[in-house]
């Protein structure tokens, strides 16, 4: 672990309470997905980059784990490159919550570190404390864990506390939706899956879903 990483972990708070305020959560979007770059993922990385830039233009802070590859890297660098002002007239920020110890692929130079967690499970909980909006692109087992954890959050929450959860890729997430439809038919869910999350595939529909109140 390099000196920059050691210094970052030493000084970053468990979670900066400034970003847990309701108004801050409303204007923050957590972007999740693969931290690996693969050929089949390239179209999603481009979509992630375009979507992130559009969200930044609309004044949303972007929250990631500050990885440099795959979906994580696409979101991170798009947020870095985009330039806009938030609801208070301040520059939109590229925010990050780290896992300690680090995975090793983080870019700590171009983001604001607002928290740290001792596991991926703990980090997801902290993501829910700083954002009301989640956009989840294709990824591996960790991404599916994140998606399931967030959906469970909505299943066990009152509607006025729901997180806006958007899964990107109708083909990729078709099996997951089918599983939740089966659970609904067996009365393990109180509502149909669309009540708890949406599956979308286009930039404009993703951005519009986030902007809609």
N, C-alpha and C. Protein backbone atom coordinates (compact mmCIF):
# COMPACT_ATOMS: atom_id res chain seq x y z
N UNK A 1 0.85 -1.19 0.00
CA UNK A 1 0.00 0.00 0.00
C UNK A 1 0.89 1.24 0.00
N UNK A 2 0.64 2.19 -0.93
CA UNK A 2 1.50 3.36 -1.03
C UNK A 2 1.21 4.38 0.06
N UNK A 3 2.10 5.37 0.17
CA UNK A 3 1.97 6.37 1.24
C UNK A 3 0.69 7.18 1.13
N UNK A 4 0.26 7.47 -0.12
CA UNK A 4 -0.96 8.23 -0.32
C UNK A 4 -2.15 7.48 0.25
N UNK A 5 -2.20 6.17 0.00
CA UNK A 5 -3.29 5.36 0.50
C UNK A 5 -3.28 5.29 2.02
N UNK A 6 -2.11 5.09 2.59
CA UNK A 6 -1.98 5.03 4.05
C UNK A 6 -2.44 6.34 4.68
N UNK A 7 -2.03 7.46 4.09
CA UNK A 7 -2.42 8.76 4.61
C UNK A 7 -3.92 8.98 4.48
N UNK A 8 -4.49 8.54 3.36
CA UNK A 8 -5.93 8.71 3.13
C UNK A 8 -6.73 7.93 4.17
N UNK A 9 -6.33 6.70 4.42
CA UNK A 9 -7.05 5.88 5.39
C UNK A 9 -6.93 6.43 6.80
N UNK A 10 -5.81 7.06 7.08
CA UNK A 10 -5.59 7.61 8.41
C UNK A 10 -6.50 8.79 8.69
N UNK A 11 -6.77 9.60 7.66
CA UNK A 11 -7.48 10.86 7.88
C UNK A 11 -8.96 10.83 7.49
N UNK A 12 -9.38 9.87 6.69
CA UNK A 12 -10.79 9.83 6.29
C UNK A 12 -11.65 9.39 7.48
N UNK A 13 -12.79 10.05 7.70
CA UNK A 13 -13.66 9.70 8.83
C UNK A 13 -14.45 8.42 8.54
N UNK A 14 -15.01 7.78 9.56
CA UNK A 14 -15.87 6.62 9.31
C UNK A 14 -16.99 6.97 8.33
N UNK A 15 -17.58 8.16 8.51
CA UNK A 15 -18.57 8.68 7.57
C UNK A 15 -18.79 10.16 7.89
N UNK A 16 -18.60 11.01 6.88
CA UNK A 16 -18.78 12.44 7.08
C UNK A 16 -20.27 12.76 7.16
N UNK A 17 -20.72 13.22 8.32
CA UNK A 17 -22.15 13.43 8.55
C UNK A 17 -22.75 14.53 7.66
N UNK A 18 -21.89 15.38 7.11
CA UNK A 18 -22.39 16.43 6.21
C UNK A 18 -23.19 15.81 5.05
N UNK A 19 -22.74 14.64 4.58
CA UNK A 19 -23.33 14.04 3.39
C UNK A 19 -24.52 13.13 3.71
N UNK A 20 -24.88 13.03 4.98
CA UNK A 20 -26.03 12.22 5.36
C UNK A 20 -27.30 13.07 5.48
N UNK A 21 -27.19 14.37 5.35
CA UNK A 21 -28.36 15.25 5.43
C UNK A 21 -29.33 14.95 4.29
N UNK A 22 -30.65 15.04 4.52
CA UNK A 22 -31.64 14.71 3.49
C UNK A 22 -31.41 15.40 2.16
N UNK A 23 -31.11 16.70 2.18
CA UNK A 23 -30.92 17.43 0.92
C UNK A 23 -29.70 16.94 0.16
N UNK A 24 -28.67 16.52 0.89
CA UNK A 24 -27.48 15.98 0.25
C UNK A 24 -27.76 14.60 -0.35
N UNK A 25 -28.52 13.78 0.39
CA UNK A 25 -28.85 12.44 -0.11
C UNK A 25 -29.69 12.51 -1.39
N UNK A 26 -30.60 13.47 -1.44
CA UNK A 26 -31.46 13.61 -2.61
C UNK A 26 -30.67 13.91 -3.88
N UNK A 27 -29.56 14.62 -3.72
CA UNK A 27 -28.77 15.03 -4.87
C UNK A 27 -27.47 14.23 -4.99
N UNK A 28 -27.50 12.98 -4.54
CA UNK A 28 -26.34 12.09 -4.68
C UNK A 28 -26.78 10.80 -5.35
N UNK A 29 -25.94 10.29 -6.25
CA UNK A 29 -26.20 9.03 -6.95
C UNK A 29 -25.01 8.10 -6.74
N UNK A 30 -25.28 6.94 -6.16
CA UNK A 30 -24.25 5.90 -6.05
C UNK A 30 -24.28 5.08 -7.34
N UNK A 31 -23.12 4.92 -7.96
CA UNK A 31 -23.01 4.10 -9.17
C UNK A 31 -22.19 2.86 -8.84
N UNK A 32 -22.77 1.70 -9.14
CA UNK A 32 -22.14 0.42 -8.82
C UNK A 32 -22.04 -0.44 -10.07
N UNK A 33 -21.15 -1.41 -10.02
CA UNK A 33 -20.96 -2.32 -11.15
C UNK A 33 -19.57 -2.92 -11.10
N UNK A 34 -19.21 -3.60 -12.15
CA UNK A 34 -17.93 -4.31 -12.19
C UNK A 34 -16.74 -3.37 -12.01
N UNK A 35 -15.75 -3.85 -11.27
CA UNK A 35 -14.49 -3.12 -11.14
C UNK A 35 -13.43 -3.70 -12.08
N UNK A 36 -13.87 -4.56 -13.01
CA UNK A 36 -12.98 -5.15 -14.00
C UNK A 36 -13.43 -4.71 -15.39
N UNK A 37 -12.46 -4.54 -16.28
CA UNK A 37 -12.76 -4.18 -17.66
C UNK A 37 -12.73 -5.43 -18.52
N UNK A 38 -13.87 -5.73 -19.16
CA UNK A 38 -13.95 -6.87 -20.08
C UNK A 38 -14.57 -6.40 -21.39
N UNK A 39 -14.33 -7.12 -22.45
CA UNK A 39 -14.86 -6.74 -23.76
C UNK A 39 -16.39 -6.63 -23.76
N UNK A 40 -17.12 -7.60 -23.20
CA UNK A 40 -18.58 -7.49 -23.20
C UNK A 40 -19.10 -6.31 -22.38
N UNK A 41 -18.25 -5.78 -21.50
CA UNK A 41 -18.67 -4.68 -20.63
C UNK A 41 -18.49 -3.31 -21.27
N UNK A 42 -17.77 -3.24 -22.39
CA UNK A 42 -17.40 -1.95 -22.96
C UNK A 42 -18.60 -1.07 -23.26
N UNK A 43 -19.67 -1.63 -23.82
CA UNK A 43 -20.84 -0.81 -24.14
C UNK A 43 -21.48 -0.26 -22.87
N UNK A 44 -21.44 -1.02 -21.80
CA UNK A 44 -21.99 -0.55 -20.54
C UNK A 44 -21.11 0.52 -19.91
N UNK A 45 -19.80 0.38 -20.10
CA UNK A 45 -18.89 1.41 -19.59
C UNK A 45 -19.14 2.74 -20.28
N UNK A 46 -19.36 2.69 -21.59
CA UNK A 46 -19.66 3.91 -22.33
C UNK A 46 -20.99 4.51 -21.87
N UNK A 47 -21.98 3.65 -21.68
CA UNK A 47 -23.27 4.12 -21.18
C UNK A 47 -23.14 4.72 -19.79
N UNK A 48 -22.34 4.08 -18.95
CA UNK A 48 -22.09 4.59 -17.59
C UNK A 48 -21.45 5.97 -17.63
N UNK A 49 -20.45 6.12 -18.49
CA UNK A 49 -19.76 7.40 -18.61
C UNK A 49 -20.71 8.50 -19.06
N UNK A 50 -21.51 8.22 -20.09
CA UNK A 50 -22.45 9.22 -20.61
C UNK A 50 -23.52 9.56 -19.57
N UNK A 51 -24.00 8.54 -18.87
CA UNK A 51 -25.04 8.75 -17.86
C UNK A 51 -24.50 9.57 -16.69
N UNK A 52 -23.29 9.24 -16.26
CA UNK A 52 -22.67 9.96 -15.15
C UNK A 52 -22.50 11.44 -15.49
N UNK A 53 -22.00 11.72 -16.68
CA UNK A 53 -21.81 13.12 -17.08
C UNK A 53 -23.13 13.88 -17.09
N UNK A 54 -24.19 13.22 -17.54
CA UNK A 54 -25.50 13.88 -17.59
C UNK A 54 -26.02 14.14 -16.18
N UNK A 55 -25.80 13.21 -15.27
CA UNK A 55 -26.22 13.40 -13.88
C UNK A 55 -25.46 14.55 -13.23
N UNK A 56 -24.16 14.62 -13.52
CA UNK A 56 -23.36 15.73 -12.99
C UNK A 56 -23.89 17.06 -13.51
N UNK A 57 -24.22 17.12 -14.79
CA UNK A 57 -24.76 18.35 -15.38
C UNK A 57 -26.06 18.78 -14.69
N UNK A 58 -26.77 17.80 -14.15
CA UNK A 58 -28.01 18.09 -13.45
C UNK A 58 -27.81 18.31 -11.95
N UNK A 59 -26.54 18.48 -11.55
CA UNK A 59 -26.24 18.87 -10.18
C UNK A 59 -26.14 17.76 -9.16
N UNK A 60 -25.97 16.51 -9.64
CA UNK A 60 -25.87 15.38 -8.71
C UNK A 60 -24.42 15.07 -8.38
N UNK A 61 -24.13 14.91 -7.08
CA UNK A 61 -22.84 14.36 -6.67
C UNK A 61 -22.82 12.88 -7.02
N UNK A 62 -21.66 12.38 -7.45
CA UNK A 62 -21.50 10.98 -7.79
C UNK A 62 -20.71 10.29 -6.68
N UNK A 63 -21.19 9.12 -6.24
CA UNK A 63 -20.53 8.38 -5.16
C UNK A 63 -20.12 7.01 -5.70
N UNK A 64 -18.84 6.66 -5.51
CA UNK A 64 -18.34 5.34 -5.91
C UNK A 64 -17.33 4.86 -4.87
N UNK A 65 -16.71 3.73 -5.19
CA UNK A 65 -15.63 3.23 -4.36
C UNK A 65 -14.28 3.64 -4.89
N UNK A 66 -14.25 4.51 -5.87
CA UNK A 66 -13.09 5.13 -6.52
C UNK A 66 -12.16 4.14 -7.20
N UNK A 67 -12.71 3.03 -7.71
CA UNK A 67 -11.92 2.11 -8.51
C UNK A 67 -11.61 2.71 -9.87
N UNK A 68 -10.57 2.20 -10.53
CA UNK A 68 -10.10 2.80 -11.78
C UNK A 68 -10.45 2.00 -13.03
N UNK A 69 -11.10 0.85 -12.88
CA UNK A 69 -11.38 -0.01 -14.03
C UNK A 69 -12.88 -0.32 -14.11
N UNK A 70 -13.29 -0.85 -15.25
CA UNK A 70 -14.66 -1.29 -15.43
C UNK A 70 -15.67 -0.16 -15.25
N UNK A 71 -16.84 -0.53 -14.75
CA UNK A 71 -17.90 0.44 -14.49
C UNK A 71 -17.45 1.47 -13.47
N UNK A 72 -16.76 1.02 -12.45
CA UNK A 72 -16.31 1.94 -11.42
C UNK A 72 -15.39 3.02 -12.00
N UNK A 73 -14.46 2.61 -12.84
CA UNK A 73 -13.57 3.57 -13.46
C UNK A 73 -14.29 4.50 -14.41
N UNK A 74 -15.25 3.96 -15.17
CA UNK A 74 -16.02 4.79 -16.10
C UNK A 74 -16.77 5.88 -15.36
N UNK A 75 -17.41 5.52 -14.25
CA UNK A 75 -18.15 6.51 -13.45
C UNK A 75 -17.20 7.52 -12.82
N UNK A 76 -16.10 7.01 -12.29
CA UNK A 76 -15.14 7.87 -11.59
C UNK A 76 -14.57 8.93 -12.53
N UNK A 77 -14.08 8.52 -13.67
CA UNK A 77 -13.43 9.48 -14.58
C UNK A 77 -14.43 10.39 -15.25
N UNK A 78 -15.65 9.90 -15.49
CA UNK A 78 -16.68 10.76 -16.07
C UNK A 78 -17.04 11.86 -15.08
N UNK A 79 -17.15 11.50 -13.79
CA UNK A 79 -17.46 12.50 -12.77
C UNK A 79 -16.33 13.51 -12.63
N UNK A 80 -15.11 13.02 -12.77
CA UNK A 80 -13.95 13.91 -12.70
C UNK A 80 -13.95 14.90 -13.86
N UNK A 81 -14.27 14.42 -15.05
CA UNK A 81 -14.20 15.26 -16.25
C UNK A 81 -15.37 16.24 -16.35
N UNK A 82 -16.53 15.83 -15.87
CA UNK A 82 -17.72 16.69 -15.98
C UNK A 82 -17.58 17.87 -15.03
N UNK A 83 -18.23 18.96 -15.39
CA UNK A 83 -18.15 20.17 -14.57
C UNK A 83 -19.54 20.78 -14.46
N UNK A 84 -20.00 20.98 -13.23
CA UNK A 84 -21.31 21.57 -13.01
C UNK A 84 -21.39 22.06 -11.58
N UNK A 85 -22.48 22.76 -11.27
CA UNK A 85 -22.71 23.27 -9.92
C UNK A 85 -23.87 22.53 -9.29
N UNK A 86 -23.80 22.35 -7.96
CA UNK A 86 -24.88 21.67 -7.27
C UNK A 86 -25.96 22.66 -6.86
N UNK A 87 -26.89 22.22 -6.01
CA UNK A 87 -28.04 23.04 -5.63
C UNK A 87 -27.63 24.28 -4.84
N UNK A 88 -26.43 24.26 -4.27
CA UNK A 88 -25.95 25.40 -3.49
C UNK A 88 -24.98 26.28 -4.28
N UNK A 89 -24.85 25.99 -5.58
CA UNK A 89 -23.94 26.77 -6.40
C UNK A 89 -22.49 26.39 -6.24
N UNK A 90 -22.25 25.22 -5.64
CA UNK A 90 -20.89 24.73 -5.46
C UNK A 90 -20.60 23.64 -6.48
N UNK A 91 -19.32 23.42 -6.82
CA UNK A 91 -18.99 22.38 -7.80
C UNK A 91 -19.50 21.01 -7.36
N UNK A 92 -20.09 20.28 -8.30
CA UNK A 92 -20.51 18.91 -8.02
C UNK A 92 -19.27 18.09 -7.69
N UNK A 93 -19.42 17.16 -6.74
CA UNK A 93 -18.26 16.45 -6.24
C UNK A 93 -18.23 14.98 -6.65
N UNK A 94 -17.03 14.47 -6.77
CA UNK A 94 -16.77 13.06 -7.03
C UNK A 94 -16.44 12.44 -5.67
N UNK A 95 -17.42 11.80 -5.05
CA UNK A 95 -17.29 11.31 -3.69
C UNK A 95 -16.94 9.83 -3.66
N UNK A 96 -16.30 9.40 -2.59
CA UNK A 96 -15.92 7.99 -2.48
C UNK A 96 -15.95 7.51 -1.04
N UNK A 97 -16.37 6.27 -0.87
CA UNK A 97 -16.26 5.57 0.42
C UNK A 97 -15.36 4.37 0.19
N UNK A 98 -14.31 4.28 0.97
CA UNK A 98 -13.30 3.23 0.81
C UNK A 98 -13.62 2.00 1.64
N UNK A 99 -13.11 0.86 1.19
CA UNK A 99 -13.05 -0.33 2.03
C UNK A 99 -11.64 -0.41 2.58
N UNK A 100 -11.52 -0.57 3.89
CA UNK A 100 -10.22 -0.65 4.57
C UNK A 100 -10.02 -2.07 5.09
N UNK A 101 -9.01 -2.83 4.58
CA UNK A 101 -7.94 -2.37 3.71
C UNK A 101 -8.41 -2.20 2.26
N UNK A 102 -7.68 -1.37 1.51
CA UNK A 102 -8.04 -1.06 0.15
C UNK A 102 -7.93 -2.29 -0.75
N UNK A 103 -8.73 -2.28 -1.84
CA UNK A 103 -8.64 -3.34 -2.83
C UNK A 103 -7.33 -3.25 -3.62
N UNK A 104 -6.82 -2.03 -3.80
CA UNK A 104 -5.56 -1.83 -4.50
C UNK A 104 -5.68 -1.15 -5.85
N UNK A 105 -6.93 -0.91 -6.31
CA UNK A 105 -7.10 -0.29 -7.63
C UNK A 105 -7.75 1.09 -7.53
N UNK A 106 -7.73 1.68 -6.34
CA UNK A 106 -8.40 2.96 -6.13
C UNK A 106 -7.56 4.13 -6.65
N UNK A 107 -8.23 5.16 -7.16
CA UNK A 107 -7.59 6.43 -7.50
C UNK A 107 -7.99 7.41 -6.41
N UNK A 108 -7.06 7.77 -5.58
CA UNK A 108 -7.37 8.62 -4.43
C UNK A 108 -7.12 10.10 -4.70
N UNK A 109 -6.66 10.43 -5.91
CA UNK A 109 -6.25 11.81 -6.18
C UNK A 109 -7.40 12.72 -6.60
N UNK A 110 -8.38 12.17 -7.28
CA UNK A 110 -9.39 13.01 -7.92
C UNK A 110 -10.78 12.81 -7.35
N UNK A 111 -10.86 12.56 -6.07
CA UNK A 111 -12.16 12.41 -5.43
C UNK A 111 -12.07 12.93 -4.00
N UNK A 112 -13.23 13.12 -3.39
CA UNK A 112 -13.31 13.51 -1.99
C UNK A 112 -13.71 12.29 -1.18
N UNK A 113 -12.85 11.86 -0.27
CA UNK A 113 -13.14 10.69 0.55
C UNK A 113 -14.04 11.09 1.71
N UNK A 114 -15.23 10.49 1.77
CA UNK A 114 -16.19 10.90 2.80
C UNK A 114 -16.46 9.80 3.83
N UNK A 115 -15.83 8.63 3.65
CA UNK A 115 -16.05 7.58 4.63
C UNK A 115 -15.23 6.34 4.32
N UNK A 116 -15.23 5.41 5.26
CA UNK A 116 -14.54 4.14 5.06
C UNK A 116 -15.31 3.05 5.79
N UNK A 117 -15.12 1.82 5.33
CA UNK A 117 -15.82 0.68 5.91
C UNK A 117 -14.88 -0.50 5.99
N UNK A 118 -15.16 -1.42 6.88
CA UNK A 118 -14.28 -2.58 7.07
C UNK A 118 -14.66 -3.74 6.17
N UNK A 119 -15.77 -3.62 5.44
CA UNK A 119 -16.21 -4.69 4.53
C UNK A 119 -17.12 -4.10 3.47
N UNK A 120 -17.36 -4.88 2.40
CA UNK A 120 -18.28 -4.43 1.36
C UNK A 120 -19.69 -4.30 1.90
N UNK A 121 -20.08 -5.19 2.80
CA UNK A 121 -21.41 -5.12 3.39
C UNK A 121 -21.61 -3.83 4.18
N UNK A 122 -20.58 -3.47 4.94
CA UNK A 122 -20.67 -2.22 5.71
C UNK A 122 -20.69 -1.01 4.78
N UNK A 123 -19.94 -1.09 3.69
CA UNK A 123 -19.91 0.04 2.77
C UNK A 123 -21.29 0.27 2.13
N UNK A 124 -22.00 -0.80 1.79
CA UNK A 124 -23.33 -0.66 1.21
C UNK A 124 -24.25 0.07 2.19
N UNK A 125 -24.16 -0.29 3.46
CA UNK A 125 -24.97 0.39 4.47
C UNK A 125 -24.65 1.89 4.49
N UNK A 126 -23.37 2.21 4.39
CA UNK A 126 -22.97 3.62 4.40
C UNK A 126 -23.39 4.33 3.12
N UNK A 127 -23.38 3.61 2.00
CA UNK A 127 -23.90 4.21 0.76
C UNK A 127 -25.36 4.64 0.95
N UNK A 128 -26.16 3.82 1.64
CA UNK A 128 -27.57 4.17 1.83
C UNK A 128 -27.73 5.38 2.73
N UNK A 129 -26.73 5.68 3.52
CA UNK A 129 -26.80 6.85 4.41
C UNK A 129 -26.46 8.15 3.71
N UNK A 130 -25.79 8.07 2.55
CA UNK A 130 -25.36 9.30 1.87
C UNK A 130 -26.06 9.52 0.52
N UNK A 131 -26.91 8.58 0.09
CA UNK A 131 -27.56 8.74 -1.22
C UNK A 131 -28.94 8.10 -1.21
N UNK A 132 -29.85 8.71 -1.95
CA UNK A 132 -31.19 8.16 -2.14
C UNK A 132 -31.35 7.53 -3.52
N UNK A 133 -30.30 7.60 -4.34
CA UNK A 133 -30.36 7.13 -5.72
C UNK A 133 -29.23 6.16 -6.02
N UNK A 134 -29.57 5.03 -6.66
CA UNK A 134 -28.58 4.01 -6.97
C UNK A 134 -28.76 3.55 -8.41
N UNK A 135 -27.65 3.55 -9.16
CA UNK A 135 -27.66 3.04 -10.53
C UNK A 135 -26.64 1.90 -10.57
N UNK A 136 -27.14 0.69 -10.87
CA UNK A 136 -26.30 -0.50 -10.80
C UNK A 136 -26.14 -1.11 -12.19
N UNK A 137 -24.91 -1.11 -12.68
CA UNK A 137 -24.59 -1.68 -13.98
C UNK A 137 -24.14 -3.13 -13.81
N UNK A 138 -23.98 -3.89 -14.89
CA UNK A 138 -23.55 -5.28 -14.79
C UNK A 138 -22.22 -5.44 -14.05
N UNK A 139 -22.11 -6.55 -13.38
CA UNK A 139 -20.89 -6.86 -12.64
C UNK A 139 -20.92 -8.30 -12.16
N UNK A 140 -20.02 -8.62 -11.28
CA UNK A 140 -19.90 -9.99 -10.78
C UNK A 140 -20.69 -10.23 -9.51
N UNK A 141 -20.21 -11.16 -8.71
CA UNK A 141 -20.95 -11.57 -7.52
C UNK A 141 -21.11 -10.44 -6.50
N UNK A 142 -20.09 -9.58 -6.39
CA UNK A 142 -20.20 -8.46 -5.46
C UNK A 142 -21.29 -7.49 -5.90
N UNK A 143 -21.38 -7.25 -7.20
CA UNK A 143 -22.42 -6.37 -7.72
C UNK A 143 -23.81 -6.95 -7.44
N UNK A 144 -23.97 -8.25 -7.62
CA UNK A 144 -25.26 -8.88 -7.33
C UNK A 144 -25.57 -8.82 -5.84
N UNK A 145 -24.55 -8.96 -5.01
CA UNK A 145 -24.73 -8.82 -3.57
C UNK A 145 -25.22 -7.42 -3.23
N UNK A 146 -24.61 -6.43 -3.87
CA UNK A 146 -25.01 -5.05 -3.63
C UNK A 146 -26.45 -4.79 -4.06
N UNK A 147 -26.80 -5.30 -5.24
CA UNK A 147 -28.16 -5.12 -5.75
C UNK A 147 -29.18 -5.76 -4.82
N UNK A 148 -28.91 -7.00 -4.41
CA UNK A 148 -29.84 -7.72 -3.54
C UNK A 148 -29.98 -7.02 -2.18
N UNK A 149 -28.87 -6.50 -1.65
CA UNK A 149 -28.91 -5.80 -0.37
C UNK A 149 -29.76 -4.54 -0.46
N UNK A 150 -29.61 -3.80 -1.55
CA UNK A 150 -30.37 -2.57 -1.73
C UNK A 150 -31.85 -2.86 -1.95
N UNK A 151 -32.16 -3.88 -2.73
CA UNK A 151 -33.56 -4.25 -2.94
C UNK A 151 -34.19 -4.68 -1.62
N UNK A 152 -33.45 -5.44 -0.84
CA UNK A 152 -33.94 -5.86 0.49
C UNK A 152 -34.23 -4.63 1.35
N UNK A 153 -33.39 -3.60 1.23
CA UNK A 153 -33.61 -2.36 1.98
C UNK A 153 -35.00 -1.82 1.67
N UNK A 154 -35.36 -1.76 0.38
CA UNK A 154 -36.67 -1.26 0.01
C UNK A 154 -37.80 -2.18 0.46
N UNK A 155 -37.59 -3.48 0.33
CA UNK A 155 -38.62 -4.44 0.73
C UNK A 155 -39.00 -4.27 2.19
N UNK A 156 -38.03 -3.91 3.01
CA UNK A 156 -38.27 -3.81 4.45
C UNK A 156 -38.39 -2.36 4.94
N UNK A 157 -38.60 -1.43 4.02
CA UNK A 157 -38.73 -0.02 4.38
C UNK A 157 -40.12 0.50 4.02
N UNK A 158 -40.53 1.56 4.70
CA UNK A 158 -41.74 2.25 4.30
C UNK A 158 -41.48 2.96 2.97
N UNK A 159 -42.52 3.14 2.18
CA UNK A 159 -42.33 3.70 0.83
C UNK A 159 -41.68 5.07 0.85
N UNK A 160 -41.97 5.88 1.87
CA UNK A 160 -41.38 7.23 1.91
C UNK A 160 -39.89 7.21 2.24
N UNK A 161 -39.36 6.02 2.54
CA UNK A 161 -37.93 5.88 2.80
C UNK A 161 -37.22 5.09 1.70
N UNK A 162 -37.95 4.75 0.65
CA UNK A 162 -37.36 3.95 -0.43
C UNK A 162 -36.16 4.65 -1.06
N UNK A 163 -35.21 3.83 -1.48
CA UNK A 163 -34.13 4.30 -2.34
C UNK A 163 -34.56 4.07 -3.79
N UNK A 164 -34.16 4.97 -4.65
CA UNK A 164 -34.43 4.81 -6.08
C UNK A 164 -33.36 3.88 -6.64
N UNK A 165 -33.74 2.67 -7.01
CA UNK A 165 -32.80 1.65 -7.45
C UNK A 165 -33.04 1.34 -8.93
N UNK A 166 -32.03 1.59 -9.74
CA UNK A 166 -32.12 1.34 -11.18
C UNK A 166 -31.05 0.33 -11.56
N UNK A 167 -31.49 -0.80 -12.10
CA UNK A 167 -30.57 -1.81 -12.63
C UNK A 167 -30.46 -1.59 -14.13
N UNK A 168 -29.25 -1.50 -14.63
CA UNK A 168 -29.03 -1.16 -16.04
C UNK A 168 -28.67 -2.41 -16.84
N UNK A 169 -29.53 -2.74 -17.80
CA UNK A 169 -29.27 -3.91 -18.65
C UNK A 169 -30.38 -4.92 -18.53
N UNK A 170 -31.38 -4.84 -19.42
CA UNK A 170 -32.54 -5.72 -19.32
C UNK A 170 -32.15 -7.18 -19.52
N UNK A 171 -31.20 -7.44 -20.39
CA UNK A 171 -30.76 -8.83 -20.61
C UNK A 171 -29.97 -9.34 -19.40
N UNK A 172 -29.05 -8.51 -18.92
CA UNK A 172 -28.19 -8.94 -17.83
C UNK A 172 -28.99 -9.23 -16.56
N UNK A 173 -29.97 -8.39 -16.26
CA UNK A 173 -30.72 -8.52 -15.01
C UNK A 173 -32.04 -9.26 -15.18
N UNK A 174 -32.28 -9.86 -16.36
CA UNK A 174 -33.55 -10.56 -16.60
C UNK A 174 -33.74 -11.71 -15.60
N UNK A 175 -32.69 -12.46 -15.35
CA UNK A 175 -32.78 -13.58 -14.41
C UNK A 175 -33.10 -13.12 -13.01
N UNK A 176 -32.50 -12.00 -12.60
CA UNK A 176 -32.75 -11.47 -11.26
C UNK A 176 -34.21 -11.04 -11.13
N UNK A 177 -34.71 -10.34 -12.16
CA UNK A 177 -36.11 -9.92 -12.11
C UNK A 177 -37.03 -11.13 -12.06
N UNK A 178 -36.71 -12.15 -12.84
CA UNK A 178 -37.53 -13.36 -12.83
C UNK A 178 -37.58 -13.99 -11.44
N UNK A 179 -36.44 -13.97 -10.74
CA UNK A 179 -36.41 -14.52 -9.39
C UNK A 179 -37.32 -13.75 -8.45
N UNK A 180 -37.30 -12.43 -8.56
CA UNK A 180 -38.16 -11.61 -7.69
C UNK A 180 -39.63 -11.77 -8.08
N UNK A 181 -39.92 -11.96 -9.36
CA UNK A 181 -41.30 -12.22 -9.79
C UNK A 181 -41.80 -13.53 -9.19
N UNK A 182 -40.93 -14.53 -9.15
CA UNK A 182 -41.29 -15.81 -8.54
C UNK A 182 -41.56 -15.63 -7.05
N UNK A 183 -40.73 -14.85 -6.38
CA UNK A 183 -40.94 -14.60 -4.95
C UNK A 183 -42.25 -13.88 -4.71
N UNK A 184 -42.60 -12.94 -5.61
CA UNK A 184 -43.86 -12.22 -5.48
C UNK A 184 -45.04 -13.17 -5.64
N UNK A 185 -44.97 -14.08 -6.62
CA UNK A 185 -46.04 -15.05 -6.84
C UNK A 185 -46.22 -15.96 -5.63
N UNK A 186 -45.11 -16.24 -4.93
CA UNK A 186 -45.17 -17.10 -3.75
C UNK A 186 -45.46 -16.30 -2.48
N UNK A 187 -45.76 -15.00 -2.68
CA UNK A 187 -46.16 -14.10 -1.59
C UNK A 187 -45.05 -13.86 -0.58
N UNK A 188 -43.81 -13.91 -1.05
CA UNK A 188 -42.68 -13.54 -0.21
C UNK A 188 -42.43 -12.04 -0.28
N UNK A 189 -43.04 -11.38 -1.28
CA UNK A 189 -42.95 -9.93 -1.43
C UNK A 189 -44.36 -9.36 -1.34
N UNK A 190 -44.47 -8.15 -0.80
CA UNK A 190 -45.79 -7.54 -0.66
C UNK A 190 -46.25 -6.85 -1.94
N UNK A 191 -45.30 -6.63 -2.88
CA UNK A 191 -45.61 -5.97 -4.14
C UNK A 191 -44.83 -6.65 -5.27
N UNK A 192 -45.17 -6.29 -6.51
CA UNK A 192 -44.42 -6.80 -7.66
C UNK A 192 -43.04 -6.16 -7.68
N UNK A 193 -42.05 -6.79 -8.35
CA UNK A 193 -40.67 -6.28 -8.34
C UNK A 193 -40.53 -4.83 -8.77
N UNK A 194 -41.31 -4.38 -9.76
CA UNK A 194 -41.20 -3.00 -10.24
C UNK A 194 -41.48 -1.97 -9.16
N UNK A 195 -42.11 -2.38 -8.10
CA UNK A 195 -42.40 -1.49 -6.97
C UNK A 195 -41.11 -1.17 -6.22
N UNK A 196 -40.15 -2.09 -6.25
CA UNK A 196 -38.94 -1.94 -5.45
C UNK A 196 -37.72 -1.51 -6.26
N UNK A 197 -37.71 -1.81 -7.56
CA UNK A 197 -36.59 -1.43 -8.42
C UNK A 197 -37.04 -1.40 -9.86
N UNK A 198 -36.27 -0.70 -10.70
CA UNK A 198 -36.55 -0.62 -12.13
C UNK A 198 -35.36 -1.18 -12.90
N UNK A 199 -35.65 -1.80 -14.04
CA UNK A 199 -34.60 -2.24 -14.94
C UNK A 199 -34.70 -1.42 -16.22
N UNK A 200 -33.66 -0.66 -16.53
CA UNK A 200 -33.64 0.23 -17.69
C UNK A 200 -32.39 -0.02 -18.51
N UNK A 201 -32.36 0.54 -19.74
CA UNK A 201 -31.22 0.27 -20.61
C UNK A 201 -30.69 1.47 -21.37
N UNK A 202 -31.37 2.61 -21.32
CA UNK A 202 -30.98 3.78 -22.09
C UNK A 202 -30.62 4.95 -21.19
N UNK A 203 -29.67 5.76 -21.63
CA UNK A 203 -29.22 6.90 -20.82
C UNK A 203 -30.36 7.82 -20.44
N UNK A 204 -31.17 8.22 -21.41
CA UNK A 204 -32.22 9.20 -21.13
C UNK A 204 -33.24 8.68 -20.13
N UNK A 205 -33.60 7.41 -20.24
CA UNK A 205 -34.59 6.88 -19.30
C UNK A 205 -33.99 6.72 -17.90
N UNK A 206 -32.69 6.43 -17.83
CA UNK A 206 -32.04 6.34 -16.52
C UNK A 206 -32.00 7.72 -15.86
N UNK A 207 -31.54 8.73 -16.62
CA UNK A 207 -31.44 10.08 -16.07
C UNK A 207 -32.83 10.61 -15.70
N UNK A 208 -33.81 10.40 -16.55
CA UNK A 208 -35.16 10.88 -16.26
C UNK A 208 -35.75 10.22 -15.03
N UNK A 209 -35.42 8.93 -14.83
CA UNK A 209 -35.91 8.24 -13.65
C UNK A 209 -35.30 8.82 -12.38
N UNK A 210 -34.04 9.23 -12.44
CA UNK A 210 -33.40 9.85 -11.28
C UNK A 210 -34.00 11.24 -11.03
N UNK A 211 -34.22 12.00 -12.10
CA UNK A 211 -34.72 13.36 -11.95
C UNK A 211 -36.17 13.40 -11.47
N UNK A 212 -36.93 12.36 -11.78
CA UNK A 212 -38.35 12.35 -11.43
C UNK A 212 -38.56 12.29 -9.94
N UNK A 213 -39.44 13.13 -9.43
CA UNK A 213 -39.76 13.15 -8.00
C UNK A 213 -41.19 12.69 -7.76
